[in-house]
Protein backbone atom coordinates (compact mmCIF):
# COMPACT_ATOMS: atom_id res chain seq x y z
CA MET A 1 -13.88 -41.51 -7.61
CA GLU A 2 -16.28 -39.99 -5.02
CA VAL A 3 -18.10 -42.33 -2.66
CA GLU A 4 -20.73 -41.42 -0.04
CA LEU A 5 -20.39 -43.00 3.47
CA GLY A 6 -22.95 -43.10 6.16
CA TYR A 7 -21.91 -41.03 9.19
CA GLY A 8 -24.28 -40.68 12.12
CA LYS A 9 -27.61 -39.56 10.75
CA GLY A 10 -25.86 -37.91 7.79
CA THR A 11 -23.20 -38.65 5.28
CA VAL A 12 -19.60 -37.81 4.33
CA TRP A 13 -17.91 -38.04 0.97
CA VAL A 14 -14.60 -39.71 0.16
CA ASN A 15 -12.47 -39.03 -2.81
CA VAL A 16 -9.98 -41.71 -4.03
CA ASP A 17 -7.81 -41.64 -7.25
CA GLU A 18 -9.21 -44.53 -9.40
CA SER A 19 -5.58 -45.54 -10.19
CA GLY A 20 -5.12 -46.45 -6.52
CA LEU A 21 -8.52 -47.92 -5.94
CA LEU A 22 -8.82 -51.75 -5.61
CA GLY A 23 -12.48 -51.61 -5.29
CA VAL A 24 -15.59 -50.56 -3.50
CA LEU A 25 -16.97 -53.48 -1.51
CA GLU A 26 -20.71 -53.22 -1.78
CA PRO A 27 -23.46 -55.91 -1.65
CA ALA A 28 -24.31 -57.83 -4.80
CA SER A 29 -27.18 -56.44 -6.86
CA ILE A 30 -30.50 -57.43 -5.43
CA GLU A 31 -33.11 -58.91 -7.76
CA ASP A 32 -36.48 -57.28 -7.16
CA SER A 33 -38.93 -59.91 -5.97
CA GLY A 34 -41.89 -57.72 -6.78
CA LEU A 35 -43.01 -57.90 -3.16
CA SER A 36 -43.32 -55.01 -0.80
CA GLU A 37 -41.63 -55.30 2.61
CA ARG A 38 -44.97 -56.24 4.22
CA GLN A 39 -45.70 -58.79 1.46
CA GLU A 40 -42.28 -60.30 2.02
CA ILE A 41 -42.97 -60.77 5.68
CA GLU A 42 -46.42 -62.18 5.06
CA SER A 43 -44.99 -64.66 2.50
CA ALA A 44 -42.48 -65.88 5.09
CA LEU A 45 -45.21 -66.31 7.66
CA SER A 46 -47.31 -68.19 5.15
CA ASN A 47 -44.51 -70.50 4.21
CA PRO A 48 -42.50 -71.19 7.31
CA VAL A 49 -39.32 -73.28 7.05
CA ASN A 50 -39.60 -76.73 8.71
CA SER A 51 -42.47 -75.54 10.91
CA PRO A 52 -46.32 -75.30 11.00
CA ARG A 53 -47.80 -71.89 10.34
CA LEU A 54 -47.85 -69.82 13.49
CA GLU A 55 -51.63 -69.44 13.48
CA SER A 56 -52.02 -73.26 13.59
CA MET A 57 -49.41 -73.60 16.27
CA VAL A 58 -50.66 -71.27 19.02
CA LYS A 59 -53.93 -71.55 20.93
CA PRO A 60 -56.28 -69.09 22.50
CA GLY A 61 -55.42 -68.45 26.16
CA GLU A 62 -51.63 -69.16 25.73
CA LYS A 63 -49.22 -66.56 26.96
CA ILE A 64 -47.00 -65.42 24.08
CA THR A 65 -43.71 -63.67 24.42
CA VAL A 66 -42.35 -61.96 21.34
CA ILE A 67 -38.64 -61.16 21.80
CA THR A 68 -37.30 -58.41 19.51
CA SER A 69 -34.25 -56.26 19.07
CA ASP A 70 -33.14 -53.19 21.07
CA ILE A 71 -32.35 -49.76 19.72
CA THR A 72 -28.71 -50.59 18.93
CA ARG A 73 -29.88 -52.98 16.29
CA PRO A 74 -31.22 -52.09 12.80
CA CYS A 75 -34.09 -54.62 12.90
CA PRO A 76 -37.29 -52.60 11.84
CA SER A 77 -39.59 -54.06 14.46
CA TYR A 78 -42.25 -51.50 13.58
CA LYS A 79 -42.49 -53.16 10.21
CA VAL A 80 -42.06 -56.76 11.33
CA LEU A 81 -44.37 -56.95 14.23
CA PRO A 82 -47.71 -55.95 12.71
CA PRO A 83 -48.04 -58.92 10.30
CA LEU A 84 -46.83 -61.23 13.14
CA MET A 85 -49.40 -59.78 15.59
CA GLU A 86 -52.14 -60.19 12.94
CA GLU A 87 -51.23 -63.89 12.48
CA LEU A 88 -51.46 -64.40 16.26
CA GLY A 89 -54.83 -62.57 16.26
CA ARG A 90 -56.18 -64.89 13.60
CA ALA A 91 -55.24 -67.81 15.91
CA GLY A 92 -57.49 -66.34 18.59
CA VAL A 93 -54.74 -65.02 20.90
CA ARG A 94 -55.83 -61.98 22.89
CA ASP A 95 -53.74 -58.76 22.99
CA ASP A 96 -53.51 -59.06 26.75
CA ASP A 97 -51.75 -62.42 26.36
CA ILE A 98 -48.95 -61.09 24.23
CA THR A 99 -45.80 -59.39 25.67
CA VAL A 100 -43.11 -57.83 23.62
CA VAL A 101 -39.71 -58.06 25.20
CA PHE A 102 -36.75 -55.96 24.07
CA ALA A 103 -33.56 -58.08 23.98
CA LEU A 104 -31.16 -55.71 25.65
CA GLY A 105 -28.37 -58.18 26.28
CA SER A 106 -25.76 -56.04 28.00
CA HIS A 107 -27.11 -52.76 26.60
CA ARG A 108 -28.94 -49.86 28.38
CA LYS A 109 -32.67 -49.70 28.99
CA HIS A 110 -34.89 -47.69 26.62
CA THR A 111 -36.90 -44.59 27.19
CA GLU A 112 -40.64 -44.79 26.60
CA GLU A 113 -40.15 -42.79 23.36
CA GLU A 114 -37.51 -45.14 22.14
CA MET A 115 -39.82 -48.16 22.67
CA LYS A 116 -42.62 -46.35 20.75
CA LYS A 117 -40.14 -45.60 17.91
CA LEU A 118 -38.93 -49.21 17.81
CA VAL A 119 -42.28 -50.94 17.57
CA GLY A 120 -44.61 -48.18 16.37
CA GLU A 121 -47.34 -46.31 18.26
CA ASN A 122 -49.99 -48.90 17.42
CA ILE A 123 -48.08 -51.92 18.74
CA TYR A 124 -46.90 -50.02 21.78
CA SER A 125 -50.43 -48.96 22.76
CA ARG A 126 -52.04 -52.35 22.14
CA TYR A 127 -49.45 -54.79 23.75
CA SER A 128 -47.30 -54.88 26.84
CA CYS A 129 -43.81 -53.77 25.81
CA ILE A 130 -40.98 -54.27 28.36
CA ASP A 131 -37.19 -54.23 28.61
CA LEU A 132 -35.11 -57.12 29.91
CA ASP A 133 -34.63 -56.88 33.62
CA VAL A 134 -31.47 -58.80 34.60
CA GLY A 135 -32.57 -58.65 38.23
CA ASP A 136 -35.58 -60.87 37.37
CA CYS A 137 -34.07 -63.91 35.66
CA VAL A 138 -34.36 -67.65 36.18
CA ASN A 139 -31.62 -70.26 35.77
CA ILE A 140 -32.85 -72.95 33.48
CA GLY A 141 -29.72 -75.04 33.19
CA VAL A 142 -26.20 -75.11 31.84
CA THR A 143 -24.98 -75.74 28.28
CA LYS A 144 -22.43 -78.37 27.36
CA ARG A 145 -19.83 -75.62 27.27
CA LYS A 146 -20.71 -74.61 30.86
CA THR A 147 -22.64 -71.48 30.08
CA PRO A 148 -25.22 -70.81 32.79
CA VAL A 149 -28.48 -69.95 31.13
CA ASP A 150 -30.28 -67.40 33.26
CA VAL A 151 -33.33 -66.09 31.29
CA PHE A 152 -35.72 -63.19 31.93
CA ARG A 153 -38.68 -64.61 33.92
CA PRO A 154 -41.52 -63.43 31.50
CA VAL A 155 -39.71 -65.32 28.72
CA VAL A 156 -39.33 -68.48 30.81
CA GLU A 157 -42.92 -68.40 31.98
CA ALA A 158 -44.54 -67.87 28.57
CA ASP A 159 -46.31 -70.76 26.87
CA ARG A 160 -44.81 -69.73 23.49
CA ARG A 161 -41.63 -67.84 22.59
CA ILE A 162 -41.21 -66.14 19.18
CA CYS A 163 -37.85 -64.64 18.29
CA VAL A 164 -37.71 -61.62 16.03
CA GLY A 165 -34.54 -60.04 14.61
CA ASN A 166 -32.42 -59.22 11.61
CA ILE A 167 -29.63 -61.39 10.15
CA GLU A 168 -26.24 -59.78 9.57
CA TYR A 169 -22.60 -60.78 10.08
CA HIS A 170 -21.32 -60.97 13.74
CA TYR A 171 -17.67 -60.74 14.27
CA PHE A 172 -17.49 -63.77 16.71
CA ALA A 173 -20.97 -65.28 16.81
CA GLY A 174 -20.85 -65.73 12.99
CA TYR A 175 -24.23 -64.20 12.30
CA SER A 176 -26.91 -62.35 14.26
CA GLY A 177 -30.48 -63.53 14.44
CA GLY A 178 -32.09 -66.81 15.39
CA ALA A 179 -31.56 -67.98 19.01
CA LYS A 180 -29.33 -65.00 19.70
CA ALA A 181 -32.51 -63.25 20.71
CA ILE A 182 -32.49 -65.51 23.79
CA LEU A 183 -28.74 -65.70 24.46
CA PRO A 184 -27.48 -63.02 24.88
CA GLY A 185 -30.65 -61.10 24.28
CA VAL A 186 -32.64 -61.89 27.42
CA CYS A 187 -30.04 -63.35 29.66
CA THR A 188 -27.94 -62.12 32.54
CA LYS A 189 -24.39 -60.69 32.46
CA ASP A 190 -22.96 -63.96 33.82
CA ALA A 191 -24.57 -65.96 30.99
CA ILE A 192 -23.35 -63.54 28.38
CA GLN A 193 -19.84 -63.49 29.76
CA ALA A 194 -19.61 -67.28 29.81
CA ASN A 195 -20.75 -67.45 26.19
CA HIS A 196 -18.71 -64.58 24.89
CA ARG A 197 -15.53 -65.79 26.61
CA MET A 198 -15.17 -68.14 23.63
CA MET A 199 -14.54 -65.16 21.32
CA VAL A 200 -10.78 -65.56 21.75
CA ARG A 201 -10.92 -68.93 20.04
CA ASP A 202 -9.64 -69.12 16.49
CA ASP A 203 -12.86 -70.73 15.22
CA ALA A 204 -15.21 -68.07 16.73
CA VAL A 205 -15.24 -65.84 13.63
CA THR A 206 -17.64 -63.96 11.48
CA GLY A 207 -19.52 -65.84 8.76
CA THR A 208 -19.31 -69.28 10.42
CA LEU A 209 -22.03 -71.45 11.97
CA GLU A 210 -21.58 -75.16 12.64
CA THR A 211 -17.85 -74.80 13.36
CA ASN A 212 -18.24 -71.76 15.57
CA PRO A 213 -18.35 -72.79 19.29
CA LEU A 214 -19.97 -69.66 20.39
CA ARG A 215 -22.83 -69.92 17.89
CA CYS A 216 -23.21 -73.61 18.79
CA ASP A 217 -23.53 -72.60 22.46
CA ILE A 218 -26.21 -70.09 21.57
CA ASP A 219 -28.22 -72.57 19.46
CA GLU A 220 -28.01 -75.14 22.22
CA VAL A 221 -30.21 -72.93 24.47
CA SER A 222 -33.25 -74.40 22.68
CA ASP A 223 -32.46 -77.67 24.45
CA LEU A 224 -33.17 -75.87 27.76
CA ILE A 225 -36.01 -73.52 26.67
CA SER A 226 -38.10 -73.98 23.62
CA ILE A 227 -37.95 -71.48 20.85
CA ASP A 228 -41.31 -72.03 19.09
CA PHE A 229 -40.90 -69.86 16.09
CA ILE A 230 -38.61 -67.13 14.57
CA LEU A 231 -39.18 -64.35 12.19
CA ASN A 232 -35.94 -62.89 10.93
CA VAL A 233 -35.23 -60.36 8.15
CA VAL A 234 -32.30 -59.45 5.95
CA LEU A 235 -31.91 -55.78 5.18
CA ASP A 236 -30.35 -53.95 2.19
CA PRO A 237 -27.67 -51.29 2.85
CA HIS A 238 -30.48 -48.74 3.27
CA GLU A 239 -32.23 -50.96 5.85
CA LYS A 240 -35.06 -51.97 3.60
CA ILE A 241 -36.37 -55.50 4.14
CA ILE A 242 -35.31 -57.62 1.14
CA LYS A 243 -35.79 -61.09 2.60
CA ALA A 244 -37.83 -62.55 5.50
CA VAL A 245 -37.53 -66.10 6.87
CA ALA A 246 -39.85 -67.69 9.41
CA GLY A 247 -40.32 -70.98 11.16
CA HIS A 248 -37.80 -73.40 12.87
CA TYR A 249 -35.21 -71.52 14.86
CA ILE A 250 -32.31 -73.26 13.19
CA ASP A 251 -33.51 -74.11 9.64
CA ALA A 252 -35.17 -70.76 8.97
CA HIS A 253 -32.18 -68.93 10.43
CA ARG A 254 -29.74 -70.87 8.16
CA GLU A 255 -31.81 -70.07 5.14
CA GLY A 256 -31.50 -66.43 6.01
CA CYS A 257 -27.75 -66.72 6.48
CA HIS A 258 -27.31 -68.35 3.06
CA PHE A 259 -29.25 -65.52 1.51
CA LEU A 260 -27.08 -62.98 3.31
CA ASP A 261 -23.92 -64.62 2.04
CA SER A 262 -25.17 -64.39 -1.54
CA LEU A 263 -25.35 -60.61 -1.13
CA TYR A 264 -22.70 -59.57 1.37
CA LYS A 265 -19.85 -62.08 1.38
CA ILE A 266 -17.41 -60.53 -1.09
CA ILE A 267 -14.31 -62.24 -2.56
CA ILE A 268 -11.27 -60.04 -2.81
CA ASP A 269 -8.05 -60.77 -4.81
CA GLU A 270 -5.63 -59.21 -2.39
CA PRO A 271 -5.54 -57.30 0.84
CA ALA A 272 -5.31 -53.52 0.57
CA ASP A 273 -2.75 -51.03 1.97
CA ILE A 274 -5.62 -48.81 3.05
CA VAL A 275 -9.25 -49.74 3.91
CA ILE A 276 -11.67 -46.91 4.48
CA VAL A 277 -14.72 -48.36 6.31
CA SER A 278 -17.99 -46.99 7.60
CA PRO A 279 -20.41 -49.07 9.64
CA GLY A 280 -23.18 -47.54 7.54
CA GLY A 281 -24.32 -44.64 9.72
CA PHE A 282 -26.90 -44.54 12.54
CA PRO A 283 -27.59 -46.71 14.53
CA LYS A 284 -24.59 -48.81 13.52
CA ASP A 285 -22.15 -46.05 14.53
CA ILE A 286 -24.09 -44.75 17.53
CA ASN A 287 -21.18 -45.59 19.76
CA MET A 288 -17.79 -47.33 19.48
CA TYR A 289 -19.09 -50.49 21.05
CA GLN A 290 -21.42 -50.96 18.03
CA ALA A 291 -19.15 -49.46 15.34
CA GLN A 292 -16.39 -51.96 16.15
CA LYS A 293 -18.16 -54.62 14.07
CA ALA A 294 -17.33 -52.71 10.91
CA LEU A 295 -13.77 -52.34 11.99
CA ASP A 296 -13.44 -56.12 12.53
CA ASN A 297 -14.79 -56.78 9.01
CA ALA A 298 -12.27 -54.31 7.62
CA ARG A 299 -9.51 -56.24 9.35
CA HIS A 300 -10.10 -59.12 6.85
CA ALA A 301 -9.39 -56.74 3.97
CA VAL A 302 -6.21 -54.88 5.11
CA ARG A 303 -2.64 -56.14 4.73
CA GLU A 304 -0.29 -56.60 7.61
CA GLY A 305 1.11 -53.14 8.46
CA GLY A 306 -1.58 -51.27 6.51
CA VAL A 307 -4.01 -48.68 7.79
CA ILE A 308 -7.75 -48.74 8.38
CA ILE A 309 -9.48 -45.40 8.18
CA TRP A 310 -12.55 -45.97 10.42
CA VAL A 311 -15.34 -43.49 9.76
CA ALA A 312 -17.82 -43.67 12.66
CA SER A 313 -19.57 -40.88 14.53
CA CYS A 314 -19.70 -42.55 17.95
CA SER A 315 -21.96 -39.74 19.10
CA GLU A 316 -22.87 -41.62 22.24
CA GLY A 317 -19.17 -42.27 23.10
CA PHE A 318 -17.92 -45.70 24.04
CA GLY A 319 -21.38 -47.21 24.65
CA SER A 320 -20.22 -49.37 27.51
CA ALA A 321 -18.55 -48.41 30.85
CA VAL A 322 -16.67 -51.67 31.03
CA PHE A 323 -15.42 -51.34 27.45
CA GLU A 324 -14.24 -47.83 28.24
CA LYS A 325 -12.42 -48.98 31.38
CA TRP A 326 -10.63 -51.70 29.52
CA ILE A 327 -9.53 -49.68 26.53
CA ARG A 328 -8.69 -46.51 28.46
CA GLY A 329 -7.04 -48.29 31.40
CA ALA A 330 -4.51 -50.36 29.48
CA ASP A 331 -0.88 -49.41 28.83
CA SER A 332 -0.84 -51.09 25.48
CA PRO A 333 -2.96 -53.18 23.06
CA ASP A 334 -0.87 -56.16 24.09
CA GLN A 335 -1.93 -55.77 27.62
CA ILE A 336 -5.58 -55.88 26.69
CA ILE A 337 -5.09 -59.10 24.76
CA GLU A 338 -3.21 -60.73 27.52
CA ASP A 339 -5.72 -59.58 30.17
CA ILE A 340 -8.82 -60.85 28.28
CA GLN A 341 -7.23 -64.32 27.99
CA LYS A 342 -6.73 -64.38 31.70
CA ASN A 343 -9.98 -62.76 32.86
CA PHE A 344 -12.69 -62.47 30.25
CA GLU A 345 -15.14 -59.66 30.93
CA LEU A 346 -18.09 -58.55 28.82
CA GLY A 347 -17.23 -55.19 27.38
CA GLY A 348 -13.52 -55.86 27.66
CA HIS A 349 -14.01 -58.24 24.74
CA LYS A 350 -14.60 -55.24 22.46
CA ALA A 351 -11.42 -53.64 23.59
CA ALA A 352 -9.61 -56.89 22.90
CA ALA A 353 -10.98 -57.07 19.45
CA ILE A 354 -9.76 -53.57 18.67
CA ALA A 355 -6.36 -54.48 20.15
CA MET A 356 -6.17 -57.56 17.98
CA THR A 357 -6.86 -55.33 14.91
CA LEU A 358 -4.13 -52.93 16.03
CA LYS A 359 -1.67 -55.87 15.95
CA LYS A 360 -2.32 -56.11 12.23
CA ALA A 361 -2.87 -52.46 11.08
CA GLY A 362 -2.93 -48.87 12.22
CA ILE A 363 -6.40 -47.36 12.88
CA PHE A 364 -7.17 -43.75 11.95
CA LEU A 365 -10.51 -42.76 13.48
CA VAL A 366 -12.78 -40.02 11.91
CA SER A 367 -15.37 -39.38 14.56
CA ASP A 368 -17.10 -36.91 16.91
CA LEU A 369 -14.82 -37.92 19.81
CA ASP A 370 -12.27 -35.63 21.40
CA GLY A 371 -8.81 -36.10 19.83
CA ASP A 372 -6.92 -36.59 23.05
CA LEU A 373 -9.41 -39.22 24.07
CA VAL A 374 -8.91 -41.07 20.81
CA ARG A 375 -5.13 -40.88 21.16
CA SER A 376 -5.37 -42.29 24.68
CA ILE A 377 -6.91 -45.59 23.32
CA PHE A 378 -4.11 -46.13 20.78
CA LEU A 379 -5.90 -44.72 17.71
CA LYS A 380 -5.14 -41.68 15.64
CA PRO A 381 -7.89 -39.01 15.47
CA PHE A 382 -8.83 -37.01 12.36
CA ALA A 383 -11.34 -34.31 11.71
CA ASP A 384 -12.33 -35.64 8.30
CA VAL A 385 -11.51 -38.45 5.86
CA ALA A 386 -9.35 -36.21 3.57
CA GLU A 387 -7.08 -35.35 6.45
CA ALA A 388 -6.70 -39.04 7.37
CA GLN A 389 -5.94 -39.96 3.72
CA GLU A 390 -3.27 -37.30 3.56
CA GLU A 391 -1.57 -38.76 6.61
CA VAL A 392 -1.75 -42.31 5.37
CA TYR A 393 -0.31 -41.45 1.98
CA ARG A 394 2.55 -39.71 3.85
CA LEU A 395 3.22 -42.92 5.73
CA LEU A 396 2.61 -45.56 3.07
CA GLY A 397 3.32 -43.61 -0.09
CA THR A 398 1.00 -42.10 -2.83
CA ASP A 399 0.88 -45.40 -4.66
CA ALA A 400 -0.78 -47.13 -1.74
CA LYS A 401 -3.88 -49.17 -2.77
CA THR A 402 -7.30 -48.57 -1.24
CA LEU A 403 -10.42 -50.57 -0.67
CA LEU A 404 -13.64 -48.75 0.30
CA MET A 405 -16.28 -50.43 2.58
CA PRO A 406 -19.42 -48.17 2.71
CA TYR A 407 -21.30 -50.84 4.64
CA GLY A 408 -18.57 -52.33 6.79
CA GLY A 409 -20.91 -53.75 9.35
CA SER A 410 -22.66 -55.89 6.70
CA THR A 411 -20.04 -56.74 4.10
CA LEU A 412 -17.54 -59.54 4.80
CA PRO A 413 -14.31 -59.56 2.67
CA VAL A 414 -12.93 -63.01 1.99
CA LEU A 415 -9.58 -63.48 0.37
CA LYS A 416 -9.61 -65.57 -2.82
């Protein structure tokens, strides 16, 4: 069988003998709603979950902050924002009273061209569009779990806050979307570190909500600063909007999560000897920091002592100086795990997650990175997938069983 995997802005092909193939983990078939992407968004705005319509909620003269995703996320803000802005316009809100804030979290700032690409030329020219500035944040309190909530001043000073994003699996926050636009989206490094420190807990895992302490901490932010409305979307593997939810920051988000599960949570009969996984291409494999999410999902599908072939371009390298320091500075994966438990540091958590995967399986990396660099971080480099397969068959035998994950950042394997 030949399967196409996303790789950077292109694709690569993988060949697997069908006799050794346990399956290709792809989303469930999607029933066509008959709505265009725009109509899906408009339908969600017209039928908000446990909330008044936005146009009846906001008032002329109010300052509105719309918080949306940065360039490392697949959220198509250029599609989502226009219907939202039109709804605000119908409520009498002036363009000058609306600010679009890019939720950078711990990520780098955008160039002007990147901002235009994210929201579209029309939105960029009509509304103020700004990046998070961690040097201009306000402490608004502390959560029950002792997370200091330091939020970007324009967000705090707004009369209304609207969170925009996409919902997908997150390897320790459970799911993206919802209040995550606030924490970590527009918070300081200290706030993010305090929240993300809980990732080492056994109950901070992908696909969980009410039992996930890290997600509960994120959702509690609304007790300190109101989230007036959310507009979240679920994307298909080709990043087309197939579902939009709007309204209450918890209830609408949960509806979106349930829809995601119906498509992307996949039951498997047994773990595989080999898992070949791609995050799905750009921007999900723009750097190792982002591509790691797919690796973590693959960890749920591989057996102890198996091998994950991780197909990720990582054209921008590590994606985080701190992450690079942690993974390149350690003598062993065990050291990373021990160190993160003693001294959690944002960025180091990604290194720890990779180290935890290495405790279960070998990792063969097919990427654009230098081979010596890859070897220095405890992974085995390969020029292409076929070369990696040849090596893994040599190690595990030609009868080794394979699972393919073309959309590893989105699909969550769950053992029966």
